[in-house]
Each structure stands twice: as structure tokens, then as C-alpha cells.
Amino acid sequence: MDSPCVACCKLNNDKICTGCYRHIEEIVDWNKRTDTEQQQILERCAARRQQVDAEQSPTTAITSQEWQQAKQALALKKQSRLS
């Protein structure tokens, strides 16, 4: 499944991209998700869209540090599930 990225990566205070409405953790490992998981993410994005647009909270570009932190957080979650 193609990424919903629209090349407008700006995160709000909740770490939701205001371009595609994915959480940073959903962005970081998009290519590792199954089609079913990707479809579930897209459904969550559709549900978030109206709320995120209505809030109009300040946004910032995704930084390298945020990207790395999200990758580490996902790795820890996966490790704890395996333990």
C-alpha cells in the first residue's frame, strides 16, 4: 500500500502530522506494517483529520531527533511484546 504522505511533514503538539494525519510512530514504521495495519492507520487518520484541523495547534517540522526517538520507542514496544 502506498504511503499517505503528502510531503508536508509538520507535527502538532500531539506528534500528529498535519499533512497526512499519522502519528510520528505510524510514519516511522509505515513500510514495516502489514496491509491490514496500514489500512487501520488510514482509518485512524480519517478519524483524526477533523479534530486536528479544528484544533489548529502550532506545528513544527519533524526533526531528526524526533524521528530517532520514535524509532527507539517502537523498538522498545516491540521488545516488550516479545518478552
Protein backbone atom coordinates (compact mmCIF):
# COMPACT_ATOMS: atom_id res chain seq x y z
CA MET A 1 0.00 0.00 0.00
CA ASP A 2 1.31 3.46 -0.84
CA SER A 3 2.21 5.88 1.93
CA PRO A 4 -0.36 8.62 2.55
CA CYS A 5 2.49 11.14 2.84
CA VAL A 6 1.79 14.42 1.07
CA ALA A 7 5.31 15.84 1.64
CA CYS A 8 4.06 18.37 4.17
CA CYS A 9 5.54 16.89 7.35
CA LYS A 10 4.66 19.17 10.24
CA LEU A 11 3.83 17.79 13.67
CA ASN A 12 1.35 19.31 16.07
CA ASN A 13 1.73 19.12 19.86
CA ASP A 14 0.36 15.54 19.85
CA LYS A 15 3.02 14.45 17.30
CA ILE A 16 0.37 14.10 14.57
CA CYS A 17 1.39 15.19 11.06
CA THR A 18 -0.97 17.87 9.80
CA GLY A 19 -0.36 16.71 6.22
CA CYS A 20 -1.26 13.01 6.42
CA TYR A 21 -2.71 12.83 9.96
CA ARG A 22 -0.46 9.96 11.04
CA HIS A 23 1.24 9.88 14.43
CA ILE A 24 5.03 10.03 14.19
CA GLU A 25 5.28 6.35 15.21
CA GLU A 26 2.92 5.44 12.37
CA ILE A 27 5.10 7.41 9.95
CA VAL A 28 8.40 5.92 11.12
CA ASP A 29 7.48 2.29 10.57
CA TRP A 30 4.90 2.58 7.78
CA ASN A 31 6.86 0.27 5.45
CA LYS A 32 7.11 -2.43 8.13
CA ARG A 33 3.35 -2.59 8.68
CA THR A 34 1.11 -5.17 7.07
CA ASP A 35 -1.57 -4.06 4.62
CA THR A 36 -4.16 -4.64 7.35
CA GLU A 37 -2.23 -2.47 9.81
CA GLN A 38 -1.77 0.24 7.18
CA GLN A 39 -5.50 0.21 6.48
CA GLN A 40 -6.21 0.59 10.22
CA ILE A 41 -3.81 3.54 10.36
CA LEU A 42 -5.59 5.17 7.42
CA GLU A 43 -8.91 4.74 9.22
CA ARG A 44 -7.46 6.40 12.34
CA CYS A 45 -6.12 9.21 10.13
CA ALA A 46 -9.59 9.83 8.71
CA ALA A 47 -10.99 9.99 12.24
CA ARG A 48 -8.24 12.37 13.38
CA ARG A 49 -8.44 14.75 10.45
CA GLN A 50 -11.44 16.78 11.57
CA GLN A 51 -10.15 17.09 15.14
CA VAL A 52 -6.61 18.05 14.10
CA ASP A 53 -7.86 20.63 11.59
CA ALA A 54 -10.25 22.13 14.15
CA GLU A 55 -7.53 22.48 16.80
CA GLN A 56 -5.16 24.42 14.55
CA SER A 57 -2.39 24.00 17.10
CA PRO A 58 1.14 25.19 16.32
CA THR A 59 3.24 22.84 14.20
CA THR A 60 6.92 22.14 13.75
CA ALA A 61 8.84 20.19 11.13
CA ILE A 62 9.83 16.65 12.12
CA THR A 63 13.37 16.77 13.43
CA SER A 64 15.99 14.06 13.13
CA GLN A 65 15.94 13.75 16.92
CA GLU A 66 12.14 13.19 17.00
CA TRP A 67 12.49 10.61 14.23
CA GLN A 68 15.17 8.70 16.15
CA GLN A 69 13.20 8.89 19.40
CA ALA A 70 10.12 7.50 17.70
CA LYS A 71 12.15 4.64 16.20
CA GLN A 72 13.60 3.84 19.63
CA ALA A 73 10.17 3.94 21.26
CA LEU A 74 8.82 1.50 18.68
CA ALA A 75 11.78 -0.83 19.15
CA LEU A 76 11.19 -0.85 22.93
CA LYS A 77 7.48 -1.58 22.45
CA LYS A 78 8.28 -4.48 20.14
CA GLN A 79 10.87 -5.86 22.60
CA SER A 80 8.42 -5.70 25.50
CA ARG A 81 5.79 -7.58 23.44
CA LEU A 82 8.30 -10.35 22.74
CA SER A 83 9.34 -10.67 26.38
